[in-house]
N, C-alpha and C. Protein backbone atom coordinates (compact mmCIF):
# COMPACT_ATOMS: atom_id res chain seq x y z
N MET A 1 3.65 19.71 -0.67
CA MET A 1 4.20 18.40 -0.90
C MET A 1 5.72 18.43 -0.72
N ASP A 2 6.35 19.50 -1.17
CA ASP A 2 7.80 19.60 -1.00
C ASP A 2 8.19 19.53 0.48
N ARG A 3 7.42 20.20 1.32
CA ARG A 3 7.71 20.19 2.75
C ARG A 3 7.53 18.78 3.34
N LYS A 4 6.48 18.09 2.94
CA LYS A 4 6.22 16.74 3.44
C LYS A 4 7.27 15.74 2.96
N MET A 5 7.83 15.96 1.78
CA MET A 5 8.80 15.03 1.20
C MET A 5 10.25 15.38 1.54
N ALA A 6 10.46 16.50 2.23
CA ALA A 6 11.82 16.90 2.58
C ALA A 6 12.52 15.78 3.36
N ASN A 7 13.72 15.45 2.93
CA ASN A 7 14.55 14.42 3.56
C ASN A 7 13.96 13.01 3.47
N ARG A 8 13.01 12.81 2.59
CA ARG A 8 12.45 11.48 2.37
C ARG A 8 12.76 11.05 0.95
N ARG A 9 12.80 9.75 0.76
CA ARG A 9 13.09 9.20 -0.56
C ARG A 9 11.85 8.54 -1.13
N LEU A 10 11.50 8.87 -2.36
CA LEU A 10 10.37 8.25 -3.04
C LEU A 10 10.80 6.93 -3.65
N ILE A 11 10.09 5.88 -3.32
CA ILE A 11 10.30 4.57 -3.94
C ILE A 11 8.98 4.16 -4.56
N ARG A 12 8.99 3.98 -5.87
CA ARG A 12 7.77 3.59 -6.57
C ARG A 12 7.38 2.17 -6.19
N LEU A 13 6.07 1.91 -6.14
CA LEU A 13 5.60 0.56 -5.81
C LEU A 13 6.20 -0.49 -6.73
N SER A 14 6.32 -0.16 -8.02
CA SER A 14 6.87 -1.12 -8.97
C SER A 14 8.35 -1.40 -8.73
N GLN A 15 9.03 -0.55 -7.93
CA GLN A 15 10.44 -0.75 -7.60
C GLN A 15 10.64 -1.38 -6.23
N LEU A 16 9.57 -1.51 -5.47
CA LEU A 16 9.67 -1.89 -4.07
C LEU A 16 10.36 -3.24 -3.86
N LYS A 17 9.98 -4.24 -4.64
CA LYS A 17 10.56 -5.57 -4.47
C LYS A 17 12.08 -5.56 -4.69
N SER A 18 12.53 -4.91 -5.75
CA SER A 18 13.97 -4.87 -6.02
C SER A 18 14.70 -4.02 -4.98
N LYS A 19 14.09 -2.94 -4.51
CA LYS A 19 14.73 -2.11 -3.49
C LYS A 19 14.84 -2.86 -2.16
N LEU A 20 13.81 -3.63 -1.80
CA LEU A 20 13.87 -4.42 -0.57
C LEU A 20 14.99 -5.46 -0.62
N ALA A 21 15.23 -6.01 -1.80
CA ALA A 21 16.28 -7.01 -1.96
C ALA A 21 17.67 -6.39 -1.93
N ALA A 22 17.80 -5.15 -2.41
CA ALA A 22 19.11 -4.53 -2.56
C ALA A 22 19.51 -3.60 -1.42
N GLU A 23 18.53 -3.09 -0.68
CA GLU A 23 18.84 -2.07 0.33
C GLU A 23 18.14 -2.39 1.65
N ASN A 24 18.66 -1.82 2.72
CA ASN A 24 18.00 -1.93 4.02
C ASN A 24 17.12 -0.69 4.20
N LEU A 25 15.85 -0.82 3.83
CA LEU A 25 14.95 0.32 3.85
C LEU A 25 14.57 0.76 5.26
N GLU A 26 14.88 -0.06 6.25
CA GLU A 26 14.59 0.32 7.63
C GLU A 26 15.50 1.45 8.10
N GLU A 27 16.59 1.66 7.40
CA GLU A 27 17.56 2.68 7.80
C GLU A 27 17.33 4.03 7.13
N ILE A 28 16.35 4.11 6.22
CA ILE A 28 16.09 5.39 5.55
C ILE A 28 14.62 5.76 5.71
N ASP A 29 14.33 7.04 5.56
CA ASP A 29 12.97 7.54 5.61
C ASP A 29 12.45 7.57 4.18
N TRP A 30 11.56 6.65 3.85
CA TRP A 30 11.07 6.56 2.49
C TRP A 30 9.55 6.57 2.47
N VAL A 31 9.02 6.87 1.28
CA VAL A 31 7.58 6.95 1.09
C VAL A 31 7.23 6.37 -0.27
N THR A 32 6.02 5.87 -0.39
CA THR A 32 5.55 5.38 -1.68
C THR A 32 4.10 5.83 -1.86
N PHE A 33 3.65 5.81 -3.09
CA PHE A 33 2.28 6.17 -3.43
C PHE A 33 1.68 5.04 -4.24
N GLY A 34 0.41 4.81 -4.08
CA GLY A 34 -0.25 3.78 -4.86
C GLY A 34 -1.70 4.12 -5.11
N VAL A 35 -2.23 3.53 -6.16
CA VAL A 35 -3.63 3.67 -6.52
C VAL A 35 -4.29 2.33 -6.20
N ILE A 36 -5.48 2.39 -5.60
CA ILE A 36 -6.23 1.16 -5.34
C ILE A 36 -6.79 0.69 -6.68
N VAL A 37 -6.24 -0.39 -7.22
CA VAL A 37 -6.70 -0.89 -8.50
C VAL A 37 -7.71 -2.03 -8.35
N LYS A 38 -7.75 -2.63 -7.16
CA LYS A 38 -8.72 -3.70 -6.91
C LYS A 38 -8.96 -3.80 -5.41
N LYS A 39 -10.21 -4.01 -5.05
CA LYS A 39 -10.57 -4.24 -3.65
C LYS A 39 -11.28 -5.58 -3.56
N VAL A 40 -10.86 -6.40 -2.60
CA VAL A 40 -11.54 -7.66 -2.33
C VAL A 40 -12.61 -7.38 -1.29
N THR A 41 -13.77 -8.01 -1.43
CA THR A 41 -14.84 -7.86 -0.45
C THR A 41 -14.30 -8.18 0.93
N PRO A 42 -14.60 -7.35 1.95
CA PRO A 42 -14.10 -7.63 3.30
C PRO A 42 -14.38 -9.07 3.72
N GLN A 43 -13.39 -9.65 4.42
CA GLN A 43 -13.46 -11.05 4.82
C GLN A 43 -13.29 -11.17 6.32
N SER A 44 -13.63 -12.34 6.86
CA SER A 44 -13.46 -12.61 8.28
C SER A 44 -12.27 -13.53 8.49
N ALA A 45 -11.44 -13.17 9.45
CA ALA A 45 -10.31 -14.00 9.81
C ALA A 45 -10.80 -15.14 10.72
N ASN A 46 -9.93 -16.09 11.01
CA ASN A 46 -10.29 -17.22 11.88
C ASN A 46 -10.73 -16.75 13.26
N ASN A 47 -10.24 -15.60 13.70
CA ASN A 47 -10.61 -15.08 15.02
C ASN A 47 -11.92 -14.26 14.97
N GLY A 48 -12.56 -14.21 13.80
CA GLY A 48 -13.83 -13.51 13.67
C GLY A 48 -13.73 -12.04 13.32
N ARG A 49 -12.54 -11.50 13.31
CA ARG A 49 -12.37 -10.09 12.98
C ARG A 49 -12.36 -9.90 11.47
N THR A 50 -12.92 -8.78 11.04
CA THR A 50 -13.03 -8.49 9.62
C THR A 50 -11.80 -7.72 9.14
N PHE A 51 -11.39 -8.00 7.91
CA PHE A 51 -10.26 -7.31 7.30
C PHE A 51 -10.52 -7.10 5.82
N SER A 52 -9.77 -6.21 5.22
CA SER A 52 -9.87 -5.92 3.79
C SER A 52 -8.52 -6.15 3.12
N ILE A 53 -8.57 -6.40 1.83
CA ILE A 53 -7.36 -6.53 1.02
C ILE A 53 -7.50 -5.59 -0.17
N TRP A 54 -6.50 -4.73 -0.35
CA TRP A 54 -6.45 -3.84 -1.50
C TRP A 54 -5.25 -4.23 -2.35
N ARG A 55 -5.40 -4.14 -3.67
CA ARG A 55 -4.26 -4.29 -4.58
C ARG A 55 -3.89 -2.89 -5.05
N LEU A 56 -2.65 -2.53 -4.82
CA LEU A 56 -2.15 -1.20 -5.14
C LEU A 56 -1.17 -1.26 -6.30
N ASN A 57 -1.16 -0.18 -7.10
CA ASN A 57 -0.26 -0.10 -8.23
C ASN A 57 0.16 1.35 -8.41
N ASP A 58 1.33 1.57 -9.00
CA ASP A 58 1.79 2.95 -9.23
C ASP A 58 1.51 3.42 -10.67
N LEU A 59 0.79 2.62 -11.42
CA LEU A 59 0.38 2.90 -12.80
C LEU A 59 1.54 2.98 -13.79
N ARG A 60 2.71 2.54 -13.36
CA ARG A 60 3.86 2.44 -14.27
C ARG A 60 3.88 1.07 -14.93
N ASP A 61 3.68 0.04 -14.12
CA ASP A 61 3.69 -1.34 -14.60
C ASP A 61 2.49 -2.03 -13.98
N LEU A 62 1.45 -2.21 -14.77
CA LEU A 62 0.20 -2.76 -14.24
C LEU A 62 0.32 -4.23 -13.82
N ASN A 63 1.44 -4.86 -14.15
CA ASN A 63 1.67 -6.24 -13.71
C ASN A 63 2.32 -6.31 -12.33
N GLN A 64 2.79 -5.18 -11.83
CA GLN A 64 3.46 -5.12 -10.52
C GLN A 64 2.51 -4.51 -9.49
N CYS A 65 1.84 -5.34 -8.72
CA CYS A 65 0.92 -4.86 -7.70
C CYS A 65 1.41 -5.28 -6.32
N VAL A 66 0.99 -4.52 -5.34
CA VAL A 66 1.29 -4.82 -3.94
C VAL A 66 -0.04 -5.03 -3.24
N SER A 67 -0.15 -6.11 -2.47
CA SER A 67 -1.36 -6.35 -1.70
C SER A 67 -1.20 -5.71 -0.33
N LEU A 68 -2.21 -4.96 0.07
CA LEU A 68 -2.22 -4.30 1.37
C LEU A 68 -3.38 -4.85 2.18
N PHE A 69 -3.08 -5.42 3.34
CA PHE A 69 -4.10 -5.98 4.22
C PHE A 69 -4.42 -4.95 5.30
N LEU A 70 -5.70 -4.66 5.47
CA LEU A 70 -6.15 -3.68 6.46
C LEU A 70 -6.88 -4.41 7.58
N PHE A 71 -6.40 -4.23 8.82
CA PHE A 71 -6.98 -4.88 9.99
C PHE A 71 -7.38 -3.84 11.02
N GLY A 72 -8.20 -4.23 11.98
CA GLY A 72 -8.52 -3.42 13.15
C GLY A 72 -9.10 -2.07 12.80
N ASP A 73 -8.60 -1.04 13.51
CA ASP A 73 -9.11 0.32 13.32
C ASP A 73 -8.87 0.84 11.91
N VAL A 74 -7.77 0.42 11.29
CA VAL A 74 -7.48 0.86 9.92
C VAL A 74 -8.57 0.33 8.98
N HIS A 75 -8.92 -0.93 9.14
CA HIS A 75 -10.00 -1.50 8.32
C HIS A 75 -11.30 -0.75 8.57
N LYS A 76 -11.65 -0.54 9.83
CA LYS A 76 -12.91 0.13 10.17
C LYS A 76 -12.98 1.54 9.58
N GLU A 77 -11.87 2.23 9.58
CA GLU A 77 -11.85 3.61 9.10
C GLU A 77 -11.81 3.73 7.58
N HIS A 78 -11.17 2.75 6.90
CA HIS A 78 -10.90 2.93 5.47
C HIS A 78 -11.54 1.92 4.53
N TRP A 79 -12.28 0.93 5.03
CA TRP A 79 -12.75 -0.15 4.15
C TRP A 79 -13.67 0.36 3.04
N LYS A 80 -14.31 1.50 3.23
CA LYS A 80 -15.21 2.04 2.21
C LYS A 80 -14.51 2.90 1.16
N THR A 81 -13.20 3.08 1.29
CA THR A 81 -12.45 3.90 0.33
C THR A 81 -12.66 3.35 -1.08
N ASP A 82 -12.91 4.24 -2.02
CA ASP A 82 -13.23 3.84 -3.39
C ASP A 82 -12.01 3.34 -4.15
N GLN A 83 -12.27 2.36 -5.01
CA GLN A 83 -11.25 1.91 -5.96
C GLN A 83 -10.89 3.10 -6.83
N GLY A 84 -9.61 3.25 -7.15
CA GLY A 84 -9.14 4.39 -7.93
C GLY A 84 -8.57 5.51 -7.08
N THR A 85 -8.74 5.40 -5.76
CA THR A 85 -8.21 6.41 -4.86
C THR A 85 -6.70 6.25 -4.73
N VAL A 86 -6.01 7.38 -4.63
CA VAL A 86 -4.55 7.36 -4.42
C VAL A 86 -4.28 7.37 -2.94
């Protein structure tokens, strides 16, 4: 993990909103971790393609969640991922 995180900055999901407002995160190499706390049943978009929505949390502040939309190959590969997975 130390090798993978070398020269990267950890930003907690619960801090993401404030960091996006205060800093230009496009200029730094950053990473975040989240736990799938809720999964919405896969849905169909207007174009007929299926997608998933996951609610992610860092378990620091359960009121601060990030919604992650999975489309295309990402949806096909990961839609069965279990709730509770990091």
